[in-house]
Each structure stands twice: as structure tokens, then as C-alpha cells.
């Protein structure tokens, strides 16, 4: 199953965030999943961890990105789809970019740490799974 994980999933797994780190790691270690990502995810996780010198966290992210099998080929296509989705469902810019990137890559689901009821769950472009309620399998 091709899965796009939101930045908060990677951060939770890398830092051991209470409440969701176990579920995040279960998703990332699931042998039945392959992963899609985008430069928007890279931009969310790498700069601050690099600036603050969190080398283990950087290594975790780089290892994850090295295993990603699907990346959007055209950033303009992602931005256009994100604009439509943000306007249609009231998504924040970054959530809309992640939804659109997941959709463009052909991912079957987007896994997030955001609670159900948050705007990202309104999208119909892709199935959104919350670590806060869903079983990781």
C-alpha cells in the first residue's frame, strides 16, 4: 500500500512523541507499505533539526527519505491541486500541499497525527488516517 505520511508522523517517530510515537513507528515499519513523500515534508522536518544539531533525528529522516518510492514529478501540479483543495475544504496551505502531493503520487492514504475533525480530514482526494484514532494496520 502506497502511503504518504504527514510531517507530524515522522517527527513523532523520530522524537518519541507521547501518545502517537508507537503508532507512527508501526506505520513506518509495516512491511506491507511503501511510501510517498514530497519536498514539502522535507522542508518541514529537516531545516530545524539541522539548525539545532539533532543529528540522530536528521539521520532518521534521511533514512526515511532514502526509502521513499514515489515523489511528485511536477511541483506546479501539486500547487494547483492544493489551491483547489484548500479553497474547497478550508485547508491550511501546508495541509493542502500534503493532500495534493499524496494525491499526485497516487498514494492510497495519507497518515497524519492530526485529530479527526481537523480540516485535513475533509478532503475527498485521498483517504486520511489519524494516528490518534486508527489502528496502524
Foldseek 3Di string as FASTA:
>chain_A
DEEEEALVLLVCCQVVDPQQNVLSVLLLPPPVYAYEYEVLSVVVQPPVCVVVVVVSSNVSVVVNVVRHDFWQPDLVQLQVQLVVQCVVQVDDSSLSSSLSGCLRRVGQEYEYQDDPPPSSCPDPSHHYHHSNPDHSD
